Amino acid sequence: MTASDSSSSASSETASGEDTASVGEASREARQRLEQHYQEIERTYGDTRARIEDFNEQAVDFIRENPGLCIFGALAAGYVVGRLATRRWLV
């Protein structure tokens, strides 16, 4: 082995160690970003779920307070959809 071979081998080992360190750092950064995104998604999911539950409660209350209006609305919507279907506008 010559002097140039041993210096080449030493610099190769150093570069390999630096590559491993940079890969490890990139992995930690990626994990942190994923955790941040996951927490943001959980927060958004929770907010959306709460809004939907609130809307559902409002709808149920409205239906209980106005059953006749809701039945009439359902009949009217069914009539309109039926008329559109017979004219083949929906097909």
Protein backbone atom coordinates (compact mmCIF):
# COMPACT_ATOMS: atom_id res chain seq x y z
CA MET A 1 0.00 0.00 0.00
CA THR A 2 1.40 3.40 -0.91
CA ALA A 3 0.96 6.69 0.89
CA SER A 4 -1.56 7.91 -1.67
CA ASP A 5 -3.62 4.72 -1.23
CA SER A 6 -3.80 5.14 2.54
CA SER A 7 -4.73 8.84 2.31
CA SER A 8 -7.40 8.00 -0.26
CA SER A 9 -8.76 5.30 2.03
CA ALA A 10 -8.79 7.67 5.03
CA SER A 11 -10.61 10.40 3.10
CA SER A 12 -13.11 7.80 1.86
CA GLU A 13 -13.84 6.73 5.45
CA THR A 14 -14.27 10.38 6.49
CA ALA A 15 -16.65 11.07 3.61
CA SER A 16 -18.62 7.93 4.47
CA GLY A 17 -18.94 9.04 8.10
CA GLU A 18 -20.08 12.51 7.02
CA ASP A 19 -22.62 10.97 4.64
CA THR A 20 -23.99 8.82 7.45
CA ALA A 21 -24.25 11.85 9.74
CA SER A 22 -26.03 13.91 7.10
CA VAL A 23 -28.44 11.05 6.39
CA GLY A 24 -29.15 10.75 10.10
CA GLU A 25 -29.79 14.50 10.39
CA ALA A 26 -32.06 14.46 7.33
CA SER A 27 -33.95 11.54 8.85
CA ARG A 28 -34.47 13.43 12.13
CA GLU A 29 -35.66 16.52 10.26
CA ALA A 30 -38.06 14.44 8.17
CA ARG A 31 -39.43 12.77 11.31
CA GLN A 32 -39.97 16.17 12.97
CA ARG A 33 -41.79 17.50 9.92
CA LEU A 34 -43.97 14.39 9.76
CA GLU A 35 -44.85 14.72 13.44
CA GLN A 36 -45.76 18.39 12.94
CA HIS A 37 -47.96 17.55 9.95
CA TYR A 38 -49.57 14.68 11.87
CA GLN A 39 -50.41 16.98 14.79
CA GLU A 40 -51.84 19.56 12.39
CA ILE A 41 -53.99 16.89 10.71
CA GLU A 42 -55.22 15.64 14.10
CA ARG A 43 -56.14 19.18 15.11
CA THR A 44 -57.95 19.84 11.82
CA TYR A 45 -59.77 16.50 12.06
CA GLY A 46 -60.92 17.28 15.58
CA ASP A 47 -62.16 20.75 14.58
CA THR A 48 -63.99 19.39 11.54
CA ARG A 49 -65.56 16.59 13.56
CA ALA A 50 -66.79 19.10 16.16
CA ARG A 51 -68.30 21.31 13.45
CA ILE A 52 -70.11 18.38 11.85
CA GLU A 53 -71.47 17.23 15.21
CA ASP A 54 -72.68 20.76 15.93
CA PHE A 55 -74.34 21.02 12.50
CA ASN A 56 -76.01 17.63 13.04
CA GLU A 57 -77.38 18.73 16.41
CA GLN A 58 -78.77 21.91 14.84
CA ALA A 59 -80.40 19.91 12.04
CA VAL A 60 -81.98 17.45 14.46
CA ASP A 61 -83.29 20.32 16.62
CA PHE A 62 -84.76 22.06 13.56
CA ILE A 63 -86.48 18.87 12.41
CA ARG A 64 -87.92 18.27 15.88
CA GLU A 65 -89.21 21.85 16.06
CA ASN A 66 -90.59 21.90 12.48
CA PRO A 67 -91.59 18.37 11.45
CA GLY A 68 -94.33 19.50 9.04
CA LEU A 69 -92.03 21.88 7.19
CA CYS A 70 -89.38 19.17 6.86
CA ILE A 71 -91.88 16.62 5.54
CA PHE A 72 -93.19 19.15 3.03
CA GLY A 73 -89.63 19.98 1.96
CA ALA A 74 -88.79 16.31 1.50
CA LEU A 75 -91.93 15.77 -0.59
CA ALA A 76 -91.16 18.80 -2.74
CA ALA A 77 -87.58 17.69 -3.30
CA GLY A 78 -88.77 14.19 -4.22
CA TYR A 79 -91.29 15.62 -6.67
CA VAL A 80 -88.65 17.80 -8.38
CA VAL A 81 -86.19 14.91 -8.64
CA GLY A 82 -88.95 12.66 -10.00
CA ARG A 83 -89.91 15.23 -12.63
CA LEU A 84 -86.29 15.67 -13.69
CA ALA A 85 -85.79 11.92 -13.90
CA THR A 86 -88.84 11.41 -16.09
CA ARG A 87 -87.57 14.02 -18.53
CA ARG A 88 -84.23 12.18 -18.59
CA TRP A 89 -82.33 15.25 -17.46
CA LEU A 90 -80.52 13.21 -14.85
CA VAL A 91 -79.80 10.23 -17.07
